[in-house]
């Protein structure tokens, strides 16, 4: 029953959230990570950690909150990390593209360059290939983003 209610609510929010044309301007501001939910709408704090098809144990859920700025830059942060970079929104696919900024003296830069994962820009910094965040549902004060497989991330706009 809980799953059916979650699906109905999701469809209603999806239809109302994307009946409008979502733009970058709609995303500007601070978005606080609230929780990760499974396909049943249940909050999960620990999920299986699988890398390259292998079970690597249990992951303690820790996702980023974001500040999207008008100038195309962003800041992401969680209790363990703070990052900055550039962002843009693809209206057709409803995806936020995040390009992580990497300092020229970063200890992993040589490896990232060798793997062709970064590109240098005029500002002297390197930027990683975009990480894509697919928006599934959106309203002025909340959004749901796809995570891995059967999980979604719930965000609330901070005022």
N, C-alpha and C. Protein backbone atom coordinates (compact mmCIF):
# COMPACT_ATOMS: atom_id res chain seq x y z
N UNK A 1 0.82 -1.19 0.00
CA UNK A 1 0.00 0.00 0.00
C UNK A 1 0.87 1.27 0.00
N UNK A 2 1.92 1.25 0.84
CA UNK A 2 2.82 2.41 0.92
C UNK A 2 3.46 2.69 -0.43
N UNK A 3 3.82 1.61 -1.16
CA UNK A 3 4.45 1.76 -2.47
C UNK A 3 3.48 2.40 -3.46
N UNK A 4 2.22 2.00 -3.43
CA UNK A 4 1.21 2.55 -4.34
C UNK A 4 1.01 4.04 -4.07
N UNK A 5 0.92 4.41 -2.79
CA UNK A 5 0.75 5.82 -2.43
C UNK A 5 1.96 6.62 -2.91
N UNK A 6 3.17 6.09 -2.72
CA UNK A 6 4.40 6.76 -3.16
C UNK A 6 4.39 6.96 -4.68
N UNK A 7 3.95 5.96 -5.42
CA UNK A 7 3.91 6.05 -6.88
C UNK A 7 2.90 7.10 -7.32
N UNK A 8 1.73 7.13 -6.70
CA UNK A 8 0.70 8.11 -7.06
C UNK A 8 1.19 9.53 -6.77
N UNK A 9 1.76 9.72 -5.58
CA UNK A 9 2.29 11.04 -5.23
C UNK A 9 3.40 11.44 -6.20
N UNK A 10 4.26 10.50 -6.53
CA UNK A 10 5.36 10.78 -7.47
C UNK A 10 4.84 11.21 -8.83
N UNK A 11 3.83 10.53 -9.32
CA UNK A 11 3.25 10.88 -10.62
C UNK A 11 2.63 12.27 -10.57
N UNK A 12 1.89 12.57 -9.51
CA UNK A 12 1.28 13.89 -9.38
C UNK A 12 2.33 15.00 -9.31
N UNK A 13 3.36 14.79 -8.51
CA UNK A 13 4.42 15.79 -8.40
C UNK A 13 5.16 15.91 -9.73
N UNK A 14 5.43 14.80 -10.37
CA UNK A 14 6.16 14.81 -11.65
C UNK A 14 5.36 15.60 -12.68
N UNK A 15 4.07 15.31 -12.76
CA UNK A 15 3.24 15.99 -13.76
C UNK A 15 3.14 17.48 -13.48
N UNK A 16 2.97 17.87 -12.22
CA UNK A 16 2.88 19.29 -11.92
C UNK A 16 4.24 19.97 -12.01
N UNK A 17 5.29 19.25 -11.63
CA UNK A 17 6.63 19.82 -11.65
C UNK A 17 7.18 20.05 -13.03
N UNK A 18 6.80 19.23 -14.00
CA UNK A 18 7.36 19.37 -15.33
C UNK A 18 6.35 19.81 -16.37
N UNK A 19 5.18 20.26 -15.92
CA UNK A 19 4.27 20.87 -16.87
C UNK A 19 4.80 22.25 -17.24
N UNK A 20 5.66 22.79 -16.40
CA UNK A 20 6.31 24.07 -16.70
C UNK A 20 7.66 23.80 -17.35
N UNK A 21 8.23 24.82 -17.94
CA UNK A 21 9.56 24.68 -18.52
C UNK A 21 10.58 25.05 -17.47
N UNK A 22 11.25 24.06 -16.95
CA UNK A 22 12.27 24.26 -15.93
C UNK A 22 13.50 24.89 -16.57
N UNK A 23 14.07 25.91 -15.92
CA UNK A 23 15.25 26.59 -16.44
C UNK A 23 16.33 26.65 -15.36
N UNK A 24 17.52 27.08 -15.77
CA UNK A 24 18.61 27.26 -14.80
C UNK A 24 18.20 28.23 -13.70
N UNK A 25 17.47 29.27 -14.05
CA UNK A 25 17.05 30.26 -13.06
C UNK A 25 16.24 29.62 -11.93
N UNK A 26 15.45 28.60 -12.26
CA UNK A 26 14.65 27.91 -11.24
C UNK A 26 15.52 27.19 -10.21
N UNK A 27 16.72 26.81 -10.62
CA UNK A 27 17.60 26.03 -9.74
C UNK A 27 18.54 26.88 -8.89
N UNK A 28 18.68 28.15 -9.23
CA UNK A 28 19.61 29.02 -8.51
C UNK A 28 19.18 29.12 -7.05
N UNK A 29 20.15 28.94 -6.16
CA UNK A 29 19.89 29.00 -4.73
C UNK A 29 20.52 27.81 -4.04
N UNK A 30 20.17 27.66 -2.77
CA UNK A 30 20.74 26.57 -1.96
C UNK A 30 19.75 25.42 -1.84
N UNK A 31 20.24 24.22 -2.12
CA UNK A 31 19.44 23.00 -2.05
C UNK A 31 20.05 22.08 -1.01
N UNK A 32 19.28 21.79 0.02
CA UNK A 32 19.75 20.97 1.14
C UNK A 32 19.34 19.51 0.92
N UNK A 33 20.31 18.61 1.03
CA UNK A 33 20.02 17.19 0.95
C UNK A 33 19.25 16.78 2.20
N UNK A 34 18.11 16.14 2.00
CA UNK A 34 17.26 15.71 3.11
C UNK A 34 17.45 14.22 3.40
N UNK A 35 17.26 13.39 2.37
CA UNK A 35 17.40 11.96 2.58
C UNK A 35 17.45 11.20 1.27
N UNK A 36 17.92 9.97 1.36
CA UNK A 36 17.91 9.03 0.25
C UNK A 36 16.76 8.06 0.51
N UNK A 37 15.95 7.83 -0.52
CA UNK A 37 14.82 6.91 -0.38
C UNK A 37 14.96 5.76 -1.37
N UNK A 38 14.43 4.60 -0.99
CA UNK A 38 14.41 3.45 -1.90
C UNK A 38 13.14 3.49 -2.74
N UNK A 39 12.92 2.45 -3.55
CA UNK A 39 11.77 2.42 -4.46
C UNK A 39 10.44 2.37 -3.73
N UNK A 40 10.45 2.06 -2.44
CA UNK A 40 9.22 2.05 -1.65
C UNK A 40 8.95 3.37 -0.94
N UNK A 41 9.86 4.34 -1.14
CA UNK A 41 9.71 5.62 -0.47
C UNK A 41 10.23 5.62 0.96
N UNK A 42 10.96 4.57 1.32
CA UNK A 42 11.51 4.47 2.67
C UNK A 42 12.89 5.11 2.73
N UNK A 43 13.13 5.87 3.81
CA UNK A 43 14.43 6.50 4.02
C UNK A 43 15.48 5.42 4.28
N UNK A 44 16.64 5.59 3.64
CA UNK A 44 17.75 4.66 3.82
C UNK A 44 18.97 5.43 4.29
N UNK A 45 19.62 4.95 5.33
CA UNK A 45 20.85 5.57 5.82
C UNK A 45 22.07 4.72 5.52
N UNK A 46 21.85 3.46 5.19
CA UNK A 46 22.93 2.54 4.81
C UNK A 46 22.44 1.72 3.63
N UNK A 47 23.26 1.66 2.58
CA UNK A 47 22.90 0.90 1.38
C UNK A 47 24.10 0.06 0.94
N UNK A 48 23.85 -1.00 0.16
CA UNK A 48 24.97 -1.80 -0.34
C UNK A 48 25.90 -0.95 -1.21
N UNK A 49 27.18 -1.10 -1.01
CA UNK A 49 28.18 -0.38 -1.81
C UNK A 49 28.70 -1.36 -2.86
N UNK A 50 28.37 -1.07 -4.12
CA UNK A 50 28.77 -1.95 -5.22
C UNK A 50 29.59 -1.14 -6.21
N UNK A 51 30.79 -1.61 -6.50
CA UNK A 51 31.69 -0.96 -7.46
C UNK A 51 32.12 -2.00 -8.48
N UNK A 52 31.95 -1.63 -9.75
CA UNK A 52 32.35 -2.51 -10.85
C UNK A 52 31.74 -3.90 -10.70
N UNK A 53 30.47 -3.94 -10.25
CA UNK A 53 29.75 -5.20 -10.12
C UNK A 53 30.12 -6.02 -8.90
N UNK A 54 30.96 -5.48 -8.04
CA UNK A 54 31.39 -6.22 -6.85
C UNK A 54 30.82 -5.60 -5.58
N UNK A 55 30.41 -6.46 -4.67
CA UNK A 55 29.92 -6.01 -3.38
C UNK A 55 31.11 -5.55 -2.54
N UNK A 56 31.11 -4.28 -2.16
CA UNK A 56 32.24 -3.70 -1.40
C UNK A 56 31.85 -3.39 0.04
N UNK A 57 30.71 -3.91 0.50
CA UNK A 57 30.28 -3.66 1.87
C UNK A 57 29.06 -2.77 1.94
N UNK A 58 28.99 -1.98 2.99
CA UNK A 58 27.85 -1.10 3.23
C UNK A 58 28.30 0.35 3.20
N UNK A 59 27.53 1.18 2.50
CA UNK A 59 27.82 2.61 2.43
C UNK A 59 26.93 3.36 3.41
N UNK A 60 27.52 4.20 4.23
CA UNK A 60 26.74 5.14 5.05
C UNK A 60 26.38 6.30 4.15
N UNK A 61 25.10 6.54 3.94
CA UNK A 61 24.63 7.54 2.99
C UNK A 61 25.07 8.94 3.42
N UNK A 62 25.79 9.59 2.53
CA UNK A 62 26.28 10.95 2.76
C UNK A 62 26.31 11.65 1.39
N UNK A 63 25.28 12.41 1.08
CA UNK A 63 25.20 13.07 -0.21
C UNK A 63 25.37 14.58 -0.05
N UNK A 64 25.73 15.22 -1.13
CA UNK A 64 26.00 16.65 -1.11
C UNK A 64 24.74 17.49 -1.11
N UNK A 65 24.84 18.64 -0.43
CA UNK A 65 23.91 19.74 -0.61
C UNK A 65 24.57 20.67 -1.63
N UNK A 66 23.80 21.53 -2.28
CA UNK A 66 24.35 22.37 -3.35
C UNK A 66 23.93 23.82 -3.21
N UNK A 67 24.80 24.69 -3.65
CA UNK A 67 24.46 26.10 -3.88
C UNK A 67 24.76 26.36 -5.36
N UNK A 68 23.71 26.62 -6.13
CA UNK A 68 23.85 26.94 -7.55
C UNK A 68 23.80 28.45 -7.70
N UNK A 69 24.83 29.02 -8.29
CA UNK A 69 24.92 30.47 -8.43
C UNK A 69 24.57 30.90 -9.85
N UNK A 70 24.11 32.15 -9.97
CA UNK A 70 23.72 32.73 -11.25
C UNK A 70 24.86 32.76 -12.26
N UNK A 71 26.10 32.89 -11.78
CA UNK A 71 27.25 33.01 -12.67
C UNK A 71 27.72 31.66 -13.23
N UNK A 72 26.97 30.59 -12.96
CA UNK A 72 27.32 29.27 -13.50
C UNK A 72 28.30 28.50 -12.63
N UNK A 73 28.54 28.97 -11.42
CA UNK A 73 29.41 28.22 -10.50
C UNK A 73 28.53 27.56 -9.43
N UNK A 74 29.09 26.56 -8.78
CA UNK A 74 28.36 25.89 -7.70
C UNK A 74 29.33 25.55 -6.58
N UNK A 75 28.74 25.30 -5.44
CA UNK A 75 29.46 24.78 -4.28
C UNK A 75 28.67 23.56 -3.82
N UNK A 76 29.36 22.45 -3.59
CA UNK A 76 28.71 21.27 -3.02
C UNK A 76 29.39 20.98 -1.70
N UNK A 77 28.60 20.49 -0.76
CA UNK A 77 29.16 20.24 0.57
C UNK A 77 28.36 19.18 1.31
N UNK A 78 29.06 18.48 2.18
CA UNK A 78 28.49 17.51 3.10
C UNK A 78 29.38 17.52 4.33
N UNK A 79 29.06 16.77 5.35
CA UNK A 79 29.89 16.82 6.56
C UNK A 79 31.36 16.44 6.35
N UNK A 80 31.69 15.79 5.25
CA UNK A 80 33.06 15.33 5.02
C UNK A 80 33.82 16.08 3.94
N UNK A 81 33.13 16.91 3.14
CA UNK A 81 33.78 17.46 1.96
C UNK A 81 33.11 18.76 1.49
N UNK A 82 33.92 19.63 0.89
CA UNK A 82 33.41 20.83 0.22
C UNK A 82 34.09 20.89 -1.15
N UNK A 83 33.31 21.13 -2.20
CA UNK A 83 33.84 21.22 -3.56
C UNK A 83 33.23 22.42 -4.27
N UNK A 84 33.91 22.89 -5.31
CA UNK A 84 33.37 23.95 -6.15
C UNK A 84 33.58 23.57 -7.62
N UNK A 85 32.86 24.26 -8.49
CA UNK A 85 33.00 24.01 -9.91
C UNK A 85 32.01 24.84 -10.69
N UNK A 86 31.76 24.42 -11.91
CA UNK A 86 30.78 25.09 -12.77
C UNK A 86 29.62 24.13 -13.02
N UNK A 87 28.48 24.71 -13.38
CA UNK A 87 27.29 23.90 -13.63
C UNK A 87 26.49 24.49 -14.76
N UNK A 88 25.71 23.63 -15.40
CA UNK A 88 24.73 24.07 -16.37
C UNK A 88 23.59 23.07 -16.38
N UNK A 89 22.44 23.53 -16.85
CA UNK A 89 21.24 22.71 -16.86
C UNK A 89 20.83 22.40 -18.29
N UNK A 90 20.62 21.13 -18.59
CA UNK A 90 20.15 20.71 -19.90
C UNK A 90 18.63 20.60 -19.83
N UNK A 91 17.92 21.55 -20.45
CA UNK A 91 16.46 21.60 -20.40
C UNK A 91 15.81 20.38 -21.03
N UNK A 92 16.40 19.88 -22.11
CA UNK A 92 15.80 18.74 -22.83
C UNK A 92 15.79 17.49 -21.98
N UNK A 93 16.89 17.22 -21.28
CA UNK A 93 17.01 15.98 -20.51
C UNK A 93 16.69 16.16 -19.03
N UNK A 94 16.49 17.42 -18.60
CA UNK A 94 16.24 17.75 -17.19
C UNK A 94 17.40 17.29 -16.30
N UNK A 95 18.62 17.56 -16.77
CA UNK A 95 19.81 17.13 -16.05
C UNK A 95 20.70 18.32 -15.66
N UNK A 96 21.17 18.27 -14.43
CA UNK A 96 22.16 19.24 -13.95
C UNK A 96 23.53 18.62 -14.23
N UNK A 97 24.38 19.38 -14.90
CA UNK A 97 25.74 18.92 -15.22
C UNK A 97 26.72 19.66 -14.33
N UNK A 98 27.47 18.92 -13.52
CA UNK A 98 28.41 19.50 -12.57
C UNK A 98 29.84 19.20 -13.01
N UNK A 99 30.62 20.27 -13.18
CA UNK A 99 32.02 20.12 -13.59
C UNK A 99 32.91 20.56 -12.41
N UNK A 100 33.48 19.59 -11.74
CA UNK A 100 34.29 19.83 -10.55
C UNK A 100 35.58 20.56 -10.90
N UNK A 101 35.88 21.61 -10.15
CA UNK A 101 37.11 22.38 -10.35
C UNK A 101 38.26 21.71 -9.58
N UNK A 102 39.40 21.58 -10.26
CA UNK A 102 40.57 20.95 -9.66
C UNK A 102 41.75 21.90 -9.79
N UNK A 103 42.39 22.18 -8.66
CA UNK A 103 43.52 23.12 -8.63
C UNK A 103 44.72 22.54 -9.39
N UNK A 104 45.52 23.42 -10.00
CA UNK A 104 46.69 22.97 -10.76
C UNK A 104 47.73 22.21 -9.93
N UNK A 105 47.69 22.39 -8.60
CA UNK A 105 48.65 21.69 -7.74
C UNK A 105 48.02 20.51 -6.99
N UNK A 106 46.83 20.09 -7.39
CA UNK A 106 46.16 18.96 -6.73
C UNK A 106 46.98 17.69 -6.92
N UNK A 107 47.11 16.91 -5.84
CA UNK A 107 47.99 15.73 -5.88
C UNK A 107 47.53 14.66 -6.87
N UNK A 108 46.26 14.61 -7.21
CA UNK A 108 45.78 13.59 -8.15
C UNK A 108 45.67 14.11 -9.58
N UNK A 109 46.03 15.37 -9.82
CA UNK A 109 45.90 15.94 -11.16
C UNK A 109 46.67 15.14 -12.22
N UNK A 110 47.91 14.73 -11.98
CA UNK A 110 48.61 13.96 -13.02
C UNK A 110 47.85 12.69 -13.44
N UNK A 111 47.27 12.00 -12.48
CA UNK A 111 46.49 10.79 -12.81
C UNK A 111 45.23 11.14 -13.58
N UNK A 112 44.56 12.23 -13.18
CA UNK A 112 43.34 12.64 -13.87
C UNK A 112 43.63 13.08 -15.31
N UNK A 113 44.76 13.77 -15.49
CA UNK A 113 45.16 14.18 -16.84
C UNK A 113 45.48 12.97 -17.70
N UNK A 114 46.20 12.02 -17.14
CA UNK A 114 46.58 10.81 -17.86
C UNK A 114 45.33 10.03 -18.32
N UNK A 115 44.34 10.00 -17.46
CA UNK A 115 43.09 9.30 -17.78
C UNK A 115 42.15 10.15 -18.65
N UNK A 116 42.57 11.37 -18.98
CA UNK A 116 41.79 12.30 -19.80
C UNK A 116 40.42 12.61 -19.20
N UNK A 117 40.42 12.80 -17.87
CA UNK A 117 39.19 13.12 -17.16
C UNK A 117 39.03 14.60 -16.87
N UNK A 118 40.09 15.39 -17.16
CA UNK A 118 40.06 16.82 -16.88
C UNK A 118 40.52 17.62 -18.08
N UNK A 119 40.10 18.89 -18.08
CA UNK A 119 40.50 19.80 -19.15
C UNK A 119 40.83 21.15 -18.52
N UNK A 120 41.93 21.76 -18.96
CA UNK A 120 42.33 23.05 -18.43
C UNK A 120 41.54 24.16 -19.12
N UNK A 121 41.15 25.17 -18.31
CA UNK A 121 40.43 26.32 -18.85
C UNK A 121 41.25 27.58 -18.68
N UNK A 122 40.76 28.66 -19.26
CA UNK A 122 41.46 29.94 -19.25
C UNK A 122 41.74 30.46 -17.84
N UNK A 123 40.92 30.06 -16.86
CA UNK A 123 41.12 30.55 -15.49
C UNK A 123 42.29 29.87 -14.78
N UNK A 124 42.96 28.91 -15.47
CA UNK A 124 44.11 28.22 -14.89
C UNK A 124 43.76 26.96 -14.12
N UNK A 125 42.47 26.72 -13.89
CA UNK A 125 42.04 25.51 -13.19
C UNK A 125 41.69 24.42 -14.19
N UNK A 126 41.65 23.21 -13.70
CA UNK A 126 41.21 22.07 -14.49
C UNK A 126 39.79 21.74 -14.05
N UNK A 127 39.01 21.20 -15.00
CA UNK A 127 37.64 20.83 -14.69
C UNK A 127 37.39 19.40 -15.15
N UNK A 128 36.76 18.66 -14.26
CA UNK A 128 36.46 17.27 -14.54
C UNK A 128 35.28 17.19 -15.51
N UNK A 129 35.21 16.10 -16.26
CA UNK A 129 34.06 15.88 -17.13
C UNK A 129 32.80 15.95 -16.28
N UNK A 130 31.69 16.42 -16.85
CA UNK A 130 30.48 16.62 -16.05
C UNK A 130 29.95 15.35 -15.38
N UNK A 131 29.55 15.52 -14.14
CA UNK A 131 28.78 14.52 -13.42
C UNK A 131 27.33 14.94 -13.58
N UNK A 132 26.50 14.02 -13.98
CA UNK A 132 25.12 14.37 -14.33
C UNK A 132 24.16 13.97 -13.21
N UNK A 133 23.27 14.91 -12.87
CA UNK A 133 22.23 14.69 -11.87
C UNK A 133 20.88 14.88 -12.56
N UNK A 134 20.15 13.79 -12.73
CA UNK A 134 18.85 13.78 -13.40
C UNK A 134 17.74 14.18 -12.43
N UNK A 135 17.02 15.27 -12.77
CA UNK A 135 15.90 15.70 -11.94
C UNK A 135 14.67 14.89 -12.34
N UNK A 136 14.09 14.20 -11.37
CA UNK A 136 12.89 13.41 -11.62
C UNK A 136 11.62 14.19 -11.31
N UNK A 137 11.68 14.99 -10.23
CA UNK A 137 10.53 15.81 -9.82
C UNK A 137 11.05 17.15 -9.34
N UNK A 138 10.26 18.19 -9.59
CA UNK A 138 10.67 19.54 -9.19
C UNK A 138 9.47 20.37 -8.77
N UNK A 139 9.65 21.13 -7.71
CA UNK A 139 8.73 22.20 -7.35
C UNK A 139 9.60 23.35 -6.87
N UNK A 140 9.02 24.51 -6.60
CA UNK A 140 9.82 25.66 -6.20
C UNK A 140 10.63 25.42 -4.93
N UNK A 141 10.15 24.54 -4.06
CA UNK A 141 10.86 24.34 -2.80
C UNK A 141 11.38 22.92 -2.57
N UNK A 142 11.26 22.05 -3.56
CA UNK A 142 11.76 20.68 -3.39
C UNK A 142 12.07 20.06 -4.75
N UNK A 143 13.00 19.12 -4.74
CA UNK A 143 13.24 18.35 -5.96
C UNK A 143 13.73 16.96 -5.59
N UNK A 144 13.49 16.05 -6.51
CA UNK A 144 13.93 14.67 -6.37
C UNK A 144 14.88 14.37 -7.51
N UNK A 145 16.03 13.83 -7.17
CA UNK A 145 17.08 13.53 -8.15
C UNK A 145 17.36 12.04 -8.14
N UNK A 146 17.57 11.47 -9.31
CA UNK A 146 17.90 10.05 -9.41
C UNK A 146 19.28 9.81 -8.79
N UNK A 147 19.39 8.74 -8.03
CA UNK A 147 20.69 8.32 -7.51
C UNK A 147 21.05 7.04 -8.25
N UNK A 148 21.47 6.04 -7.58
CA UNK A 148 21.79 4.77 -8.23
C UNK A 148 20.57 3.86 -8.28
N UNK A 149 20.46 3.11 -9.33
CA UNK A 149 19.44 2.09 -9.52
C UNK A 149 18.10 2.43 -8.91
N UNK A 150 17.83 1.94 -7.72
CA UNK A 150 16.50 2.05 -7.13
C UNK A 150 16.39 3.12 -6.05
N UNK A 151 17.28 4.09 -6.07
CA UNK A 151 17.28 5.12 -5.03
C UNK A 151 17.08 6.50 -5.62
N UNK A 152 16.48 7.38 -4.82
CA UNK A 152 16.33 8.78 -5.20
C UNK A 152 16.81 9.66 -4.05
N UNK A 153 17.23 10.87 -4.39
CA UNK A 153 17.69 11.85 -3.42
C UNK A 153 16.63 12.93 -3.28
N UNK A 154 16.28 13.26 -2.06
CA UNK A 154 15.27 14.27 -1.78
C UNK A 154 15.99 15.54 -1.31
N UNK A 155 15.67 16.66 -1.97
CA UNK A 155 16.26 17.96 -1.64
C UNK A 155 15.17 18.96 -1.30
N UNK A 156 15.53 19.92 -0.44
CA UNK A 156 14.64 21.00 -0.08
C UNK A 156 15.39 22.31 -0.32
N UNK A 157 14.70 23.28 -0.92
CA UNK A 157 15.32 24.60 -1.13
C UNK A 157 15.43 25.27 0.23
N UNK A 158 16.61 25.76 0.51
CA UNK A 158 16.86 26.47 1.76
C UNK A 158 16.51 27.93 1.55
N UNK A 159 15.79 28.49 2.48
CA UNK A 159 15.35 29.90 2.33
C UNK A 159 16.12 30.81 3.22
